[in-house]
Amino acid sequence: MEVIPAIDLRHGRCVRLYRGDYDRETVFAADPVAMARHWQDLGAPRLHVVDLDAAKGEPSQTDLIAAIVRAVDLPVQVGGGLRTREAAETVLALGAERIVLGTAAVREPDLVRTLAQAHSGALVVAVDARDGQVAVDGWRETTSLSAWTLMEEMAALGVQRFLYTDITQDATMEGPNFAALGEALERLRAAIIAAGGVGTLGHIRRLAALGVEGAIVGQALYAGAFTLPDAIAVAAAELVEE
């Protein structure tokens, strides 16, 4: 299981939003590029970069994303505001390995089908759930669509990898929604990346045992709850024991 540091971009800085609330923002670094290099130096297998400005419908931080991709020798997956083929392919052209679509999966399923055909291995669909219902537009709007319905529909379109986030747990460090992740693994023949709520090495160990492909970690790393090398070691040890 990969332990993947998150770099959330807001107005050019590296931030975290508590439970996705733009009014509850904590700034962790003024230089996201330096932060990307820091995680690389600590052994990160890849980086998860989210453009929170674009997710909210504001101008995208394309230049900053390009600088991050150029600064590291790691695969980078990028999400936030990718709601057209042009936007998605622009990010791929910058050198990102994966594109992460969320709102577009709900509102533009034909776009997902197109990207799944053109860039199958690079496509990740983010399923951001609040009480089991999918949230869109930077998590500001909760739809009537269930997370499971969306995932099954996207799998039918050829999506092979999902990022599941329980918004109510995000940045709380209280633990991921293990039950929902377990159900996703049972329902789908697809890779699942977990996000939201990781706060202890015990959470990392449990996610590795569950069988998710990766765990995105933000708040816990920035707050110093544990180190990235320790988290990577725990995940690797769990796999060896299995």
Protein backbone atom coordinates (compact mmCIF):
# COMPACT_ATOMS: atom_id res chain seq x y z
CA MET A 1 0.00 0.00 0.00
CA GLU A 2 1.30 3.43 -0.94
CA VAL A 3 1.29 6.19 1.66
CA ILE A 4 0.72 9.33 -0.39
CA PRO A 5 1.27 12.84 1.00
CA ALA A 6 -1.38 15.38 0.05
CA ILE A 7 -0.57 18.86 -1.18
CA ASP A 8 -3.72 20.98 -1.27
CA LEU A 9 -3.23 24.28 -3.09
CA ARG A 10 -5.16 27.40 -2.16
CA HIS A 11 -4.08 30.85 -3.35
CA GLY A 12 -0.58 29.55 -4.01
CA ARG A 13 -0.05 28.03 -0.59
CA CYS A 14 -0.18 24.54 0.88
CA VAL A 15 -3.26 24.28 3.11
CA ARG A 16 -5.72 21.87 4.71
CA LEU A 17 -9.46 22.38 4.97
CA TYR A 18 -11.22 20.93 8.00
CA ARG A 19 -13.96 18.63 6.70
CA GLY A 20 -13.77 20.40 3.36
CA ASP A 21 -14.81 23.78 4.77
CA TYR A 22 -13.13 26.65 2.93
CA ASP A 23 -13.73 28.86 5.96
CA ARG A 24 -11.72 26.49 8.18
CA GLU A 25 -8.39 26.62 6.42
CA THR A 26 -4.98 26.00 7.96
CA VAL A 27 -1.90 27.13 6.03
CA PHE A 28 0.99 24.69 6.41
CA ALA A 29 3.48 26.06 3.88
CA ALA A 30 3.92 29.16 1.78
CA ASP A 31 5.97 27.22 -0.79
CA PRO A 32 4.22 24.10 -2.10
CA VAL A 33 7.13 23.30 -4.41
CA ALA A 34 9.51 23.10 -1.45
CA MET A 35 6.95 20.94 0.34
CA ALA A 36 6.82 18.57 -2.63
CA ARG A 37 10.60 18.22 -2.51
CA HIS A 38 10.38 17.62 1.25
CA TRP A 39 8.01 14.70 0.84
CA GLN A 40 10.18 13.28 -1.93
CA ASP A 41 13.23 13.47 0.35
CA LEU A 42 11.30 11.53 3.01
CA GLY A 43 10.53 8.70 0.62
CA ALA A 44 7.06 9.46 -0.76
CA PRO A 45 6.10 7.02 -3.53
CA ARG A 46 3.89 9.64 -5.22
CA LEU A 47 2.17 12.95 -4.48
CA HIS A 48 -1.51 13.85 -4.44
CA VAL A 49 -2.01 17.47 -5.51
CA VAL A 50 -5.40 19.18 -5.36
CA ASP A 51 -6.15 22.61 -6.80
CA LEU A 52 -8.73 23.89 -4.33
CA ASP A 53 -9.10 27.14 -6.24
CA ALA A 54 -10.13 25.34 -9.41
CA ALA A 55 -12.37 22.98 -7.44
CA LYS A 56 -14.26 26.04 -6.21
CA GLY A 57 -14.61 27.41 -9.73
CA GLU A 58 -11.82 29.98 -9.43
CA PRO A 59 -8.87 30.25 -11.89
CA SER A 60 -6.70 27.15 -11.83
CA GLN A 61 -3.15 27.14 -10.45
CA THR A 62 -1.68 25.54 -13.56
CA ASP A 63 1.74 27.19 -13.29
CA LEU A 64 2.15 26.05 -9.69
CA ILE A 65 1.12 22.50 -10.54
CA ALA A 66 3.63 22.49 -13.40
CA ALA A 67 6.36 23.70 -11.03
CA ILE A 68 5.58 20.91 -8.56
CA VAL A 69 5.67 18.24 -11.27
CA ARG A 70 9.00 19.57 -12.57
CA ALA A 71 10.52 19.76 -9.09
CA VAL A 72 10.21 16.08 -8.19
CA ASP A 73 11.07 12.72 -9.69
CA LEU A 74 7.86 11.18 -8.41
CA PRO A 75 4.58 10.30 -10.07
CA VAL A 76 2.04 13.02 -9.31
CA GLN A 77 -1.73 12.73 -9.43
CA VAL A 78 -3.67 15.97 -9.78
CA GLY A 79 -7.28 16.81 -9.07
CA GLY A 80 -9.47 19.83 -8.53
CA GLY A 81 -11.60 21.50 -11.18
CA LEU A 82 -10.87 19.06 -14.01
CA ARG A 83 -14.27 19.29 -15.67
CA THR A 84 -13.37 19.28 -19.37
CA ARG A 85 -11.20 17.09 -21.58
CA GLU A 86 -8.99 20.10 -22.29
CA ALA A 87 -8.40 20.73 -18.57
CA ALA A 88 -7.62 17.07 -17.91
CA GLU A 89 -5.25 16.71 -20.84
CA THR A 90 -3.54 19.99 -19.96
CA VAL A 91 -2.60 18.47 -16.59
CA LEU A 92 -1.32 15.31 -18.28
CA ALA A 93 0.71 17.45 -20.67
CA LEU A 94 2.34 19.10 -17.66
CA GLY A 95 3.75 15.70 -16.74
CA ALA A 96 1.24 14.47 -14.16
CA GLU A 97 0.84 10.69 -14.17
CA ARG A 98 -2.82 10.67 -13.13
CA ILE A 99 -5.82 12.94 -13.39
CA VAL A 100 -8.48 12.90 -10.67
CA LEU A 101 -12.05 13.78 -11.64
CA GLY A 102 -14.81 14.34 -9.11
CA THR A 103 -17.59 16.74 -10.07
CA ALA A 104 -17.24 15.83 -13.75
CA ALA A 105 -18.02 12.20 -12.96
CA VAL A 106 -21.44 13.29 -11.69
CA ARG A 107 -22.26 15.96 -14.26
CA GLU A 108 -20.36 14.81 -17.36
CA PRO A 109 -20.31 11.00 -17.50
CA ASP A 110 -19.59 11.16 -21.23
CA LEU A 111 -16.35 12.95 -20.41
CA VAL A 112 -15.40 10.12 -18.06
CA ARG A 113 -16.15 7.58 -20.78
CA THR A 114 -13.95 9.51 -23.22
CA LEU A 115 -11.06 9.81 -20.80
CA ALA A 116 -11.38 6.19 -19.73
CA GLN A 117 -10.92 5.20 -23.36
CA ALA A 118 -8.11 7.65 -24.11
CA HIS A 119 -6.22 7.59 -20.81
CA SER A 120 -7.42 4.51 -18.96
CA GLY A 121 -4.44 4.01 -16.65
CA ALA A 122 -4.21 7.71 -15.87
CA LEU A 123 -7.82 8.23 -14.80
CA VAL A 124 -8.96 8.28 -11.18
CA VAL A 125 -12.54 9.07 -10.20
CA ALA A 126 -12.83 10.76 -6.82
CA VAL A 127 -15.92 9.79 -4.88
CA ASP A 128 -16.35 12.38 -2.15
CA ALA A 129 -19.11 11.29 0.20
CA ARG A 130 -20.97 13.04 2.97
CA ASP A 131 -23.21 10.62 4.87
CA GLY A 132 -23.05 8.29 1.88
CA GLN A 133 -24.11 10.92 -0.65
CA VAL A 134 -21.78 12.35 -3.29
CA ALA A 135 -20.61 15.96 -2.87
CA VAL A 136 -19.47 18.15 -5.77
CA ASP A 137 -18.10 21.63 -6.52
CA GLY A 138 -15.31 21.49 -4.00
CA TRP A 139 -17.54 19.58 -1.57
CA ARG A 140 -19.87 22.56 -1.23
CA GLU A 141 -22.93 20.82 -2.70
CA THR A 142 -24.21 17.41 -1.59
CA THR A 143 -26.20 15.59 -4.25
CA SER A 144 -28.89 12.92 -3.93
CA LEU A 145 -26.60 10.43 -5.68
CA SER A 146 -25.23 7.66 -3.49
CA ALA A 147 -21.53 6.93 -3.53
CA TRP A 148 -22.16 3.29 -4.49
CA THR A 149 -24.37 4.20 -7.43
CA LEU A 150 -21.73 6.58 -8.77
CA MET A 151 -18.94 4.04 -8.39
CA GLU A 152 -20.88 1.31 -10.12
CA GLU A 153 -21.84 3.66 -12.97
CA MET A 154 -18.24 4.79 -13.40
CA ALA A 155 -16.92 1.22 -13.31
CA ALA A 156 -19.34 0.39 -16.12
CA LEU A 157 -17.74 3.20 -18.14
CA GLY A 158 -14.32 1.65 -17.74
CA VAL A 159 -12.95 3.41 -14.67
CA GLN A 160 -10.35 1.19 -13.01
CA ARG A 161 -9.30 3.31 -10.03
CA PHE A 162 -11.29 5.25 -7.42
CA LEU A 163 -10.36 7.66 -4.67
CA TYR A 164 -12.86 7.41 -1.82
CA THR A 165 -13.05 10.26 0.69
CA ASP A 166 -15.43 10.49 3.63
CA ILE A 167 -15.73 14.27 3.91
CA THR A 168 -16.94 14.18 7.50
CA GLN A 169 -13.63 12.58 8.47
CA ASP A 170 -11.30 14.68 6.34
CA ALA A 171 -8.59 16.51 8.34
CA THR A 172 -10.08 15.26 11.62
CA MET A 173 -7.43 12.52 12.18
CA GLU A 174 -10.25 10.49 13.77
CA GLY A 175 -9.89 7.59 11.35
CA PRO A 176 -11.09 6.77 7.83
CA ASN A 177 -14.49 5.26 7.13
CA PHE A 178 -13.24 1.67 7.17
CA ALA A 179 -16.71 0.20 6.72
CA ALA A 180 -17.33 2.17 3.51
CA LEU A 181 -13.90 1.33 2.16
CA GLY A 182 -14.43 -2.35 2.87
CA GLU A 183 -17.76 -2.27 1.09
CA ALA A 184 -16.19 -0.53 -1.91
CA LEU A 185 -13.54 -3.24 -2.15
CA GLU A 186 -16.23 -5.92 -2.03
CA ARG A 187 -18.50 -4.26 -4.59
CA LEU A 188 -15.95 -3.28 -7.22
CA ARG A 189 -13.17 -4.97 -9.15
CA ALA A 190 -11.15 -1.78 -9.07
CA ALA A 191 -8.27 -0.22 -7.21
CA ILE A 192 -9.35 1.89 -4.23
CA ILE A 193 -7.35 4.74 -2.73
CA ALA A 194 -8.47 5.88 0.73
CA ALA A 195 -8.55 9.47 1.93
CA GLY A 196 -9.93 11.36 4.87
CA GLY A 197 -9.31 10.92 8.57
CA VAL A 198 -5.96 9.12 8.80
CA GLY A 199 -4.46 10.19 12.15
CA THR A 200 -2.41 7.33 13.58
CA LEU A 201 -0.07 4.60 12.47
CA GLY A 202 -2.79 2.19 13.56
CA HIS A 203 -5.03 3.67 10.87
CA ILE A 204 -2.27 3.09 8.31
CA ARG A 205 -1.86 -0.50 9.46
CA ARG A 206 -5.59 -1.15 9.26
CA LEU A 207 -5.87 0.34 5.77
CA ALA A 208 -2.99 -1.82 4.55
CA ALA A 209 -4.66 -4.90 6.01
CA LEU A 210 -7.95 -3.92 4.38
CA GLY A 211 -6.36 -4.05 0.95
CA VAL A 212 -6.63 -0.53 -0.41
CA GLU A 213 -4.08 0.45 -3.04
CA GLY A 214 -3.06 3.66 -1.31
CA ALA A 215 -3.77 6.01 1.56
CA ILE A 216 -3.64 9.76 1.09
CA VAL A 217 -2.43 11.49 4.23
CA GLY A 218 -2.44 15.22 4.84
CA GLN A 219 -3.31 16.62 8.25
CA ALA A 220 -1.53 13.91 10.25
CA LEU A 221 1.74 14.46 8.41
CA TYR A 222 1.58 18.24 8.59
CA ALA A 223 0.62 18.19 12.25
CA GLY A 224 3.41 15.74 13.11
CA ALA A 225 1.18 12.92 14.34
CA PHE A 226 3.68 10.54 12.75
CA THR A 227 6.41 10.71 10.13
CA LEU A 228 6.14 9.67 6.53
CA PRO A 229 9.00 7.12 6.83
CA ASP A 230 7.27 5.52 9.82
CA ALA A 231 3.96 5.33 7.96
CA ILE A 232 5.63 3.75 4.93
CA ALA A 233 7.39 1.22 7.17
CA VAL A 234 4.14 0.30 8.92
CA ALA A 235 2.32 -0.21 5.64
CA ALA A 236 5.15 -2.37 4.31
CA ALA A 237 5.31 -4.43 7.52
CA GLU A 238 1.57 -5.12 7.37
CA LEU A 239 1.92 -6.42 3.82
CA VAL A 240 4.83 -8.68 4.80
CA GLU A 241 2.80 -10.10 7.68
CA GLU A 242 -0.09 -10.78 5.34
